[in-house]
């Protein structure tokens, strides 16, 4: 977990369920309190899912719709289980549903309403393919089956074609954008992922490795079953609350479309913000799992998308640039946090400077910069940066602690000298004497000096007695 304060807080907005876990903000208890003080004061801050503005309201609305649609299905299941043996058997084979339907979404905005509506249903997206492999076969049996194709040599990623694609149609390649219809279950047939139109770019980490590898072996229109070992899915950590540790997954997939990846500069600004936020949220997902390299990569890709082109009327361009700037600040702050976890201190320092170029009074960036400069021995600049951060957020304990450490370093690291910060309300425009040494009462003669004098006097007396005796 992150052991520093403001450095470890992620910039966020309305997130998908993957990021609701409080453990997302990996901070020490004392520092977490300091971060929360800053977060409460900043309306656009923060932790790397979902849409941009109004995301929180949309999320509540989606959750309310999900609950309302879930109730009828529950009552239906209860009623049907009370029927005869045939109905009971059918209910046992029926796919179960969990509340974890949300994930980092990459579908087209025009399809979003339909997708959200259908995602709240436990009905299969492939009603004509309720075959034994999908409904009841054990995963161990499927891994050993002879009529399945091995996608990888280790036999941990296998597929079975249910309906072939167009004859001689090419397969998608690395860097192309694809659209797939998919649903996924764990071995007890609980549905854990579902999407009518999942759009992602192969190789950019938008989805797990199992989906990327399988899609590259499919043709347009092909419907297939995909069996994925946990090493190609969610591994040791799983995905709370519905995918346990080391859980293999079974997918039903249909490749809907293949196209070249769109040039970000050719997209409207609204689409760039949407895609950039999706990639930022994917980075947050990896950060929560302590996969910092993948998180940093996702943030960099988000920054590549979050750009503007100076076209149109001046007022419209100004609004777009302001919105993109805000999202770039969030991505840069998250990237700096990941770089610090990877101990890439120089890169983190450059990233933090980029944040301050866009937003000079960003307290988190000031804190991170001050800490890195202090660790690098650049005490003077670190002091100036941390004092500026303290002036903006005088109640933040993390800044006080870092300044206290910095002063001790400047004084040679003597633990005997205690330093106390002045109360925040006493700080004015000039906070140069922010840290003052505690006063100590002058002490009298040292007991060591008195003891030494007595020993010397006693020694002299003994010597005199010996000499007198000899004479």
Protein backbone atom coordinates (compact mmCIF):
# COMPACT_ATOMS: atom_id res chain seq x y z
CA UNK A 1 0.00 0.00 0.00
CA UNK A 2 1.07 3.58 -0.52
CA UNK A 3 2.91 4.94 2.46
CA UNK A 4 2.75 8.63 1.65
CA UNK A 5 -0.06 11.06 1.96
CA UNK A 6 -1.29 13.22 -0.84
CA UNK A 7 0.97 11.32 -3.21
CA UNK A 8 -1.25 8.29 -3.00
CA UNK A 9 -4.69 9.77 -3.57
CA UNK A 10 -6.13 9.14 -6.98
CA UNK A 11 -8.13 11.62 -9.00
CA UNK A 12 -11.62 10.29 -9.57
CA UNK A 13 -15.18 11.05 -10.45
CA UNK A 14 -18.22 8.84 -10.73
CA UNK A 15 -16.67 5.38 -10.77
CA UNK A 16 -17.82 1.96 -11.67
CA UNK A 17 -18.35 -0.51 -8.89
CA UNK A 18 -14.83 -1.76 -9.26
CA UNK A 19 -13.59 1.41 -7.60
CA UNK A 20 -15.97 1.84 -4.71
CA UNK A 21 -13.76 -0.10 -2.32
CA UNK A 22 -12.26 2.29 0.27
CA UNK A 23 -9.00 0.41 -0.05
CA UNK A 24 -8.63 2.12 -3.38
CA UNK A 25 -6.98 5.05 -1.64
CA UNK A 26 -3.94 3.29 -0.19
CA UNK A 27 -2.87 5.60 2.60
CA UNK A 28 -1.92 5.41 6.20
CA UNK A 29 -4.73 6.28 8.64
CA UNK A 30 -3.30 9.63 9.68
CA UNK A 31 -2.57 10.60 6.11
CA UNK A 32 -5.95 9.38 4.83
CA UNK A 33 -7.59 11.85 7.19
CA UNK A 34 -5.51 14.65 5.72
CA UNK A 35 -6.41 13.65 2.20
CA UNK A 36 -10.10 13.54 2.97
CA UNK A 37 -9.91 17.13 4.22
CA UNK A 38 -8.61 18.24 0.86
CA UNK A 39 -10.96 16.03 -1.14
CA UNK A 40 -14.04 17.41 0.62
CA UNK A 41 -13.06 20.93 -0.37
CA UNK A 42 -12.50 20.27 -4.07
CA UNK A 43 -15.63 19.68 -6.13
CA UNK A 44 -13.84 18.17 -9.16
CA UNK A 45 -11.33 16.09 -7.30
CA UNK A 46 -11.06 13.03 -7.02
CA UNK A 47 -9.71 9.10 -7.10
CA UNK A 48 -8.54 5.82 -12.07
CA UNK A 49 -15.02 4.96 -14.47
CA UNK A 50 -17.83 6.11 -16.38
CA UNK A 51 -19.01 9.33 -17.93
CA UNK A 52 -17.81 12.79 -17.11
CA UNK A 53 -20.23 15.38 -15.76
CA UNK A 54 -23.28 14.23 -13.86
CA UNK A 55 -21.77 10.79 -13.46
CA UNK A 56 -22.80 10.41 -9.84
CA UNK A 57 -26.44 11.11 -10.58
CA UNK A 58 -26.38 8.74 -13.51
CA UNK A 59 -24.87 6.03 -11.35
CA UNK A 60 -27.59 6.43 -8.70
CA UNK A 61 -30.23 6.30 -11.40
CA UNK A 62 -28.71 3.15 -12.90
CA UNK A 63 -28.57 1.50 -9.49
CA UNK A 64 -32.18 2.42 -8.79
CA UNK A 65 -33.23 1.00 -12.16
CA UNK A 66 -31.27 -2.15 -11.46
CA UNK A 67 -32.97 -2.66 -8.10
CA UNK A 68 -36.42 -2.05 -9.52
CA UNK A 69 -35.86 -4.49 -12.35
CA UNK A 70 -34.30 -7.08 -10.08
CA UNK A 71 -37.33 -7.43 -7.79
CA UNK A 72 -39.67 -8.95 -10.39
CA UNK A 73 -37.03 -11.47 -11.45
CA UNK A 74 -36.51 -12.54 -7.83
CA UNK A 75 -40.20 -13.08 -7.25
CA UNK A 76 -40.45 -15.02 -10.48
CA UNK A 77 -37.65 -17.34 -9.43
CA UNK A 78 -39.25 -17.95 -6.02
CA UNK A 79 -42.58 -18.77 -7.61
CA UNK A 80 -41.15 -21.09 -10.21
CA UNK A 81 -39.13 -23.10 -7.69
CA UNK A 82 -42.37 -24.13 -6.04
CA UNK A 83 -43.62 -25.86 -9.22
CA UNK A 84 -43.03 -29.47 -10.29
CA UNK A 85 -39.74 -31.34 -10.66
CA UNK A 86 -39.25 -30.28 -14.27
CA UNK A 87 -39.56 -26.60 -13.42
CA UNK A 88 -37.18 -27.01 -10.47
CA UNK A 89 -34.60 -28.68 -12.72
CA UNK A 90 -34.94 -25.87 -15.24
CA UNK A 91 -34.37 -23.28 -12.50
CA UNK A 92 -31.20 -25.01 -11.34
CA UNK A 93 -29.76 -24.81 -14.85
CA UNK A 94 -30.83 -21.20 -15.25
CA UNK A 95 -28.03 -18.66 -15.18
CA UNK A 96 -27.77 -16.77 -11.92
CA UNK A 97 -27.29 -13.04 -11.65
CA UNK A 98 -25.22 -10.85 -9.35
CA UNK A 99 -25.40 -7.12 -8.69
CA UNK A 100 -21.97 -6.48 -10.19
CA UNK A 101 -22.89 -5.52 -13.72
CA UNK A 102 -20.85 -2.39 -14.01
CA UNK A 103 -17.37 -2.43 -15.47
CA UNK A 104 -15.20 -0.07 -17.46
CA UNK A 105 -17.37 0.38 -20.52
CA UNK A 106 -16.21 1.06 -24.05
CA UNK A 107 -19.47 0.90 -26.02
CA UNK A 108 -20.64 3.65 -28.33
CA UNK A 109 -22.68 6.35 -26.53
CA UNK A 110 -25.63 5.75 -28.88
CA UNK A 111 -25.91 2.19 -27.56
CA UNK A 112 -25.54 3.02 -23.87
CA UNK A 113 -29.22 3.18 -22.92
CA UNK A 114 -30.03 -0.17 -24.50
CA UNK A 115 -26.99 -1.79 -22.94
CA UNK A 116 -27.80 -0.59 -19.46
CA UNK A 117 -31.38 -1.76 -19.80
CA UNK A 118 -30.42 -5.24 -20.96
CA UNK A 119 -27.53 -5.63 -18.53
CA UNK A 120 -29.96 -5.69 -15.64
CA UNK A 121 -31.52 -8.90 -16.96
CA UNK A 122 -30.21 -12.40 -16.29
CA UNK A 123 -31.46 -13.64 -19.65
CA UNK A 124 -28.88 -14.98 -22.05
CA UNK A 125 -27.69 -12.84 -24.94
CA UNK A 126 -27.41 -16.05 -26.98
CA UNK A 127 -30.74 -17.83 -26.35
CA UNK A 128 -30.20 -20.23 -29.24
CA UNK A 129 -26.97 -21.61 -27.74
CA UNK A 130 -27.98 -22.89 -24.30
CA UNK A 131 -25.77 -25.95 -24.81
CA UNK A 132 -24.40 -28.28 -22.17
CA UNK A 133 -20.97 -26.63 -22.11
CA UNK A 134 -22.57 -23.30 -21.25
CA UNK A 135 -25.11 -24.57 -18.72
CA UNK A 136 -23.75 -27.51 -16.75
CA UNK A 137 -20.37 -29.00 -17.80
CA UNK A 138 -17.54 -28.65 -15.32
CA UNK A 139 -14.67 -26.43 -16.36
CA UNK A 140 -12.20 -29.25 -15.73
CA UNK A 141 -14.00 -31.37 -18.30
CA UNK A 142 -13.97 -28.50 -20.81
CA UNK A 143 -10.23 -27.94 -20.35
CA UNK A 144 -9.68 -31.61 -21.28
CA UNK A 145 -12.24 -31.82 -24.12
CA UNK A 146 -10.94 -32.85 -27.54
CA UNK A 147 -13.34 -30.78 -29.65
CA UNK A 148 -11.99 -27.45 -28.36
CA UNK A 149 -9.22 -25.41 -30.01
CA UNK A 150 -6.19 -24.24 -28.05
CA UNK A 151 -5.59 -20.51 -28.48
CA UNK A 152 -2.35 -20.69 -26.48
CA UNK A 153 0.19 -23.49 -26.24
CA UNK A 154 -0.30 -23.89 -22.49
CA UNK A 155 -3.93 -25.03 -23.07
CA UNK A 156 -5.13 -22.44 -20.56
CA UNK A 157 -7.06 -20.48 -23.18
CA UNK A 158 -9.41 -22.56 -25.31
CA UNK A 159 -12.35 -21.92 -27.60
CA UNK A 160 -15.16 -23.82 -29.33
CA UNK A 161 -16.75 -22.29 -32.44
CA UNK A 162 -20.55 -22.41 -32.28
CA UNK A 163 -21.16 -20.56 -35.53
CA UNK A 164 -18.37 -19.73 -38.01
CA UNK A 165 -17.92 -16.25 -39.37
CA UNK A 166 -18.00 -15.01 -42.94
CA UNK A 167 -15.93 -17.18 -45.31
CA UNK A 168 -12.40 -15.89 -45.92
CA UNK A 169 -13.08 -12.93 -43.63
CA UNK A 170 -9.90 -11.57 -42.03
CA UNK A 171 -9.29 -11.73 -38.28
CA UNK A 172 -8.68 -8.50 -36.36
CA UNK A 173 -5.07 -7.57 -35.62
CA UNK A 174 -3.16 -5.70 -32.94
CA UNK A 175 -4.19 -2.05 -32.73
CA UNK A 176 -7.58 -2.42 -34.44
CA UNK A 177 -10.86 -1.54 -32.78
CA UNK A 178 -13.45 -4.30 -32.40
CA UNK A 179 -17.05 -4.53 -31.19
CA UNK A 180 -18.21 -7.75 -29.53
CA UNK A 181 -21.32 -9.08 -27.87
CA UNK A 182 -20.34 -11.08 -24.83
CA UNK A 183 -21.46 -12.61 -21.58
CA UNK A 184 -19.35 -14.35 -18.98
CA UNK A 185 -19.99 -16.81 -16.14
CA UNK A 186 -17.96 -18.45 -13.38
CA UNK A 187 -18.20 -22.21 -12.85
CA UNK A 188 -21.44 -22.09 -10.84
CA UNK A 189 -22.94 -20.26 -13.84
CA UNK A 190 -23.28 -16.93 -12.09
CA UNK A 191 -23.20 -14.17 -14.69
CA UNK A 192 -20.34 -11.78 -13.89
CA UNK A 193 -19.94 -9.79 -17.13
CA UNK A 194 -22.38 -8.93 -19.87
CA UNK A 195 -22.39 -6.46 -22.74
CA UNK A 196 -24.30 -6.22 -26.02
CA UNK A 197 -21.78 -3.94 -27.65
CA UNK A 198 -18.37 -3.90 -25.98
CA UNK A 199 -15.96 -1.76 -27.99
CA UNK A 200 -12.20 -1.88 -27.31
CA UNK A 201 -8.84 -1.53 -29.04
CA UNK A 202 -6.77 -4.71 -29.12
CA UNK A 203 -3.51 -4.24 -27.24
CA UNK A 204 -4.46 -1.20 -25.18
CA UNK A 205 -5.50 -3.13 -22.07
CA UNK A 206 -9.14 -2.03 -22.21
CA UNK A 207 -10.21 -5.61 -21.36
CA UNK A 208 -8.47 -8.67 -19.92
CA UNK A 209 -5.93 -10.68 -21.90
CA UNK A 210 -8.33 -13.59 -22.52
CA UNK A 211 -10.71 -11.43 -24.56
CA UNK A 212 -7.90 -9.81 -26.56
CA UNK A 213 -6.29 -13.15 -27.44
CA UNK A 214 -9.58 -14.78 -28.39
CA UNK A 215 -10.86 -11.93 -30.54
CA UNK A 216 -7.70 -12.03 -32.64
CA UNK A 217 -8.58 -15.65 -33.57
CA UNK A 218 -12.18 -14.84 -34.61
CA UNK A 219 -13.81 -13.75 -37.87
CA UNK A 220 -16.56 -11.17 -38.26
CA UNK A 221 -19.90 -12.72 -37.24
CA UNK A 222 -18.34 -15.71 -35.51
CA UNK A 223 -19.98 -16.97 -32.30
CA UNK A 224 -17.72 -18.91 -29.99
CA UNK A 225 -17.26 -20.22 -26.47
CA UNK A 226 -14.10 -19.09 -24.70
CA UNK A 227 -12.71 -20.90 -21.65
CA UNK A 228 -10.07 -18.84 -19.85
CA UNK A 229 -7.84 -19.85 -16.97
CA UNK A 230 -7.49 -17.24 -14.22
CA UNK A 231 -3.95 -16.43 -15.41
CA UNK A 232 -5.55 -14.81 -18.48
CA UNK A 233 -8.36 -13.19 -16.50
CA UNK A 234 -8.27 -11.83 -12.92
CA UNK A 235 -5.67 -14.11 -11.30
CA UNK A 236 -4.91 -14.22 -7.61
CA UNK A 237 -6.83 -11.06 -6.72
CA UNK A 238 -10.01 -11.94 -8.55
CA UNK A 239 -12.51 -9.10 -8.85
CA UNK A 240 -14.71 -8.25 -5.93
CA UNK A 241 -17.46 -9.01 -5.27
CA UNK A 242 -18.31 -11.61 -7.90
CA UNK A 243 -15.10 -13.18 -9.27
CA UNK A 244 -13.13 -15.09 -6.62
CA UNK A 245 -9.39 -15.66 -6.55
CA UNK A 246 -7.99 -17.98 -9.22
CA UNK A 247 -11.41 -18.34 -10.87
CA UNK A 248 -11.53 -19.58 -14.50
CA UNK A 249 -14.15 -17.91 -16.70
CA UNK A 250 -16.40 -19.10 -19.52
CA UNK A 251 -17.39 -16.55 -22.18
CA UNK A 252 -19.89 -16.58 -25.01
CA UNK A 253 -18.69 -14.15 -27.69
CA UNK A 254 -19.76 -12.82 -31.06
CA UNK A 255 -17.47 -10.58 -33.10
CA UNK A 256 -19.74 -7.84 -34.41
CA UNK A 257 -17.38 -5.43 -36.16
CA UNK A 258 -13.74 -4.72 -37.01
CA UNK A 259 -12.45 -1.26 -37.85
CA UNK A 260 -9.31 0.81 -37.68
CA UNK A 261 -8.71 2.77 -34.51
CA UNK A 262 -10.03 6.30 -34.81
CA UNK A 263 -7.58 9.20 -34.87
CA UNK A 264 -8.12 11.14 -31.61
CA UNK A 265 -7.67 14.45 -33.42
CA UNK A 266 -10.54 13.56 -35.75
CA UNK A 267 -12.98 12.90 -32.90
CA UNK A 268 -15.19 15.52 -31.24
CA UNK A 269 -13.91 16.76 -27.91
CA UNK A 270 -16.80 15.09 -26.07
CA UNK A 271 -15.75 11.70 -27.45
CA UNK A 272 -12.12 12.31 -26.51
CA UNK A 273 -13.15 13.10 -22.95
CA UNK A 274 -15.32 9.98 -22.79
CA UNK A 275 -12.56 7.70 -24.10
CA UNK A 276 -9.90 9.41 -21.98
CA UNK A 277 -11.97 8.95 -18.83
CA UNK A 278 -12.57 5.29 -19.64
CA UNK A 279 -8.86 4.69 -19.95
CA UNK A 280 -8.20 6.66 -16.77
CA UNK A 281 -10.71 4.52 -14.93
CA UNK A 282 -9.01 1.41 -16.28
CA UNK A 283 -5.79 2.79 -14.86
CA UNK A 284 -7.49 3.24 -11.50
CA UNK A 285 -8.63 -0.39 -11.65
CA UNK A 286 -5.04 -1.54 -12.15
CA UNK A 287 -3.79 0.82 -9.44
CA UNK A 288 -6.19 -0.67 -6.92
CA UNK A 289 -4.76 -4.08 -7.76
CA UNK A 290 -1.21 -2.71 -7.31
CA UNK A 291 -0.49 -3.29 -11.00
CA UNK A 292 1.32 0.01 -11.25
CA UNK A 293 3.00 -0.48 -14.64
CA UNK A 294 -0.35 -1.19 -16.30
CA UNK A 295 -1.92 1.71 -14.42
CA UNK A 296 0.76 4.14 -15.64
CA UNK A 297 0.32 2.85 -19.20
CA UNK A 298 -3.43 3.44 -19.05
CA UNK A 299 -2.94 7.00 -17.76
CA UNK A 300 -0.49 7.76 -20.57
CA UNK A 301 -2.98 6.52 -23.17
CA UNK A 302 -5.68 8.65 -21.57
CA UNK A 303 -3.45 11.71 -21.85
CA UNK A 304 -2.85 10.97 -25.54
CA UNK A 305 -6.61 11.12 -26.13
CA UNK A 306 -7.33 14.16 -23.96
CA UNK A 307 -6.32 16.82 -26.46
CA UNK A 308 -8.03 19.79 -28.09
CA UNK A 309 -7.93 21.42 -31.50
CA UNK A 310 -8.44 25.17 -31.74
CA UNK A 311 -11.41 25.20 -34.09
CA UNK A 312 -14.83 26.83 -33.99
CA UNK A 313 -15.89 29.97 -32.14
CA UNK A 314 -13.66 31.34 -29.43
CA UNK A 315 -16.17 30.83 -26.61
CA UNK A 316 -16.76 27.17 -27.50
CA UNK A 317 -13.05 26.47 -27.80
CA UNK A 318 -12.41 28.05 -24.40
CA UNK A 319 -15.03 25.86 -22.73
CA UNK A 320 -13.65 22.71 -24.37
CA UNK A 321 -10.08 23.54 -23.44
CA UNK A 322 -11.09 24.20 -19.84
CA UNK A 323 -12.87 20.84 -19.60
CA UNK A 324 -10.02 18.92 -21.19
CA UNK A 325 -7.55 20.72 -18.91
CA UNK A 326 -9.42 19.53 -15.82
CA UNK A 327 -9.34 15.92 -16.98
CA UNK A 328 -5.68 16.15 -17.95
CA UNK A 329 -4.88 17.36 -14.43
CA UNK A 330 -6.61 14.32 -12.99
CA UNK A 331 -4.75 11.94 -15.30
CA UNK A 332 -1.40 13.58 -14.58
CA UNK A 333 -1.95 13.42 -10.83
CA UNK A 334 -2.81 9.73 -11.10
CA UNK A 335 0.20 9.09 -13.32
CA UNK A 336 2.51 10.79 -10.82
CA UNK A 337 1.09 8.59 -8.07
CA UNK A 338 1.79 5.43 -10.08
CA UNK A 339 5.30 6.62 -10.93
CA UNK A 340 6.04 7.18 -7.25
CA UNK A 341 4.90 3.64 -6.50
CA UNK A 342 7.28 2.42 -9.22
CA UNK A 343 10.05 4.55 -7.65
CA UNK A 344 10.36 6.55 -10.87
CA UNK A 345 11.04 9.75 -8.98
CA UNK A 346 12.41 11.85 -11.83
CA UNK A 347 9.46 10.97 -14.05
CA UNK A 348 7.07 11.71 -11.20
CA UNK A 349 8.72 15.11 -10.70
CA UNK A 350 8.30 15.97 -14.39
CA UNK A 351 4.67 14.81 -14.34
CA UNK A 352 3.99 16.92 -11.25
CA UNK A 353 5.50 19.98 -12.93
CA UNK A 354 3.10 19.37 -15.84
CA UNK A 355 0.21 19.43 -13.36
CA UNK A 356 1.38 22.73 -11.90
CA UNK A 357 1.74 24.19 -15.39
CA UNK A 358 -1.95 23.55 -15.92
CA UNK A 359 -3.05 24.28 -12.34
CA UNK A 360 -0.44 26.17 -10.28
CA UNK A 361 -2.37 25.84 -6.99
CA UNK A 362 -2.98 22.10 -7.13
CA UNK A 363 -2.21 21.08 -3.54
CA UNK A 364 -1.62 17.40 -4.25
CA UNK A 365 0.90 18.21 -6.97
CA UNK A 366 2.65 20.73 -4.70
CA UNK A 367 2.87 18.16 -1.93
CA UNK A 368 4.24 15.47 -4.24
CA UNK A 369 6.80 17.85 -5.70
CA UNK A 370 7.90 19.04 -2.26
CA UNK A 371 8.31 15.49 -1.02
CA UNK A 372 10.33 14.36 -4.04
CA UNK A 373 12.54 17.46 -3.88
CA UNK A 374 13.10 16.90 -0.17
CA UNK A 375 14.04 13.27 -0.76
CA UNK A 376 16.48 14.41 -3.46
CA UNK A 377 18.18 16.84 -1.08
CA UNK A 378 16.89 20.01 -2.79
CA UNK A 379 15.79 21.46 0.52
CA UNK A 380 15.41 25.11 -0.41
CA UNK A 381 13.07 24.51 -3.34
CA UNK A 382 11.22 21.83 -1.39
CA UNK A 383 10.63 24.28 1.47
CA UNK A 384 9.18 26.90 -0.88
CA UNK A 385 6.86 24.37 -2.55
CA UNK A 386 5.64 22.87 0.73
CA UNK A 387 5.03 26.30 2.25
CA UNK A 388 2.89 27.19 -0.76
CA UNK A 389 0.92 23.97 -0.31
CA UNK A 390 0.49 24.73 3.41
CA UNK A 391 -0.72 28.23 2.65
CA UNK A 392 -3.42 26.78 0.40
CA UNK A 393 -4.39 24.00 2.81
CA UNK A 394 -3.20 25.04 6.30
CA UNK A 395 -5.16 22.29 8.07
CA UNK A 396 -3.61 19.38 6.18
CA UNK A 397 -1.53 17.31 8.58
CA UNK A 398 0.44 15.56 5.85
CA UNK A 399 2.03 18.84 4.77
CA UNK A 400 2.93 19.67 8.38
CA UNK A 401 4.58 16.28 8.79
CA UNK A 402 6.59 16.62 5.60
CA UNK A 403 7.74 20.10 6.53
CA UNK A 404 8.81 18.85 9.93
CA UNK A 405 10.86 16.08 8.29
CA UNK A 406 12.40 18.60 5.92
CA UNK A 407 13.55 20.90 8.74
CA UNK A 408 15.14 17.97 10.57
CA UNK A 409 17.02 17.06 7.42
CA UNK A 410 18.23 20.63 7.03
CA UNK A 411 19.46 20.67 10.63
CA UNK A 412 21.57 17.58 10.05
CA UNK A 413 19.02 15.04 11.24
CA UNK A 414 19.64 15.66 14.96
CA UNK A 415 16.89 13.95 16.86
CA UNK A 416 17.74 15.89 20.03
CA UNK A 417 16.28 19.07 18.56
CA UNK A 418 12.50 19.06 18.52
CA UNK A 419 10.54 21.16 16.08
CA UNK A 420 6.97 22.23 16.44
CA UNK A 421 4.73 23.77 13.76
CA UNK A 422 2.97 26.99 14.56
CA UNK A 423 -0.81 26.85 14.80
CA UNK A 424 -2.41 27.24 11.36
CA UNK A 425 -4.39 30.32 12.38
CA UNK A 426 -1.16 32.20 13.17
CA UNK A 427 0.17 31.82 9.64
CA UNK A 428 -0.08 34.98 7.63
CA UNK A 429 1.24 36.01 4.26
CA UNK A 430 4.82 35.51 5.38
CA UNK A 431 5.23 31.97 6.71
CA UNK A 432 9.00 31.80 6.45
CA UNK A 433 9.50 31.12 10.18
CA UNK A 434 6.97 28.28 9.96
CA UNK A 435 8.99 25.89 12.10
CA UNK A 436 10.66 27.08 15.30
CA UNK A 437 12.87 25.19 17.72
CA UNK A 438 11.40 24.33 21.09
CA UNK A 439 12.88 26.25 24.03
CA UNK A 440 14.94 24.31 26.55
CA UNK A 441 15.76 25.43 30.08
CA UNK A 442 19.50 25.84 30.72
CA UNK A 443 20.89 23.01 32.75
CA UNK A 444 23.41 23.28 35.69
CA UNK A 445 26.70 21.41 36.14
CA UNK A 446 26.73 18.02 34.54
CA UNK A 447 26.66 15.06 36.96
CA UNK A 448 29.33 13.43 34.82
CA UNK A 449 31.70 16.36 35.46
CA UNK A 450 31.13 16.18 39.25
CA UNK A 451 31.67 12.42 39.32
CA UNK A 452 34.91 12.76 37.37
CA UNK A 453 36.23 15.40 39.78
CA UNK A 454 35.48 13.18 42.79
CA UNK A 455 37.27 10.22 41.18
CA UNK A 456 40.37 12.34 40.49
CA UNK A 457 40.40 13.70 44.05
CA UNK A 458 40.07 10.21 45.50
CA UNK A 459 42.88 8.96 43.29
CA UNK A 460 45.16 11.77 44.44
CA UNK A 461 44.41 11.01 48.10
CA UNK A 462 45.20 7.31 47.69
CA UNK A 463 48.47 8.12 45.94
CA UNK A 464 49.50 10.48 48.74
CA UNK A 465 48.78 7.86 51.41
CA UNK A 466 50.84 5.23 49.59
CA UNK A 467 53.81 7.56 49.20
CA UNK A 468 53.67 8.52 52.88
CA UNK A 469 53.63 4.87 53.93
CA UNK A 470 56.73 4.07 51.87
CA UNK A 471 58.71 6.87 53.45
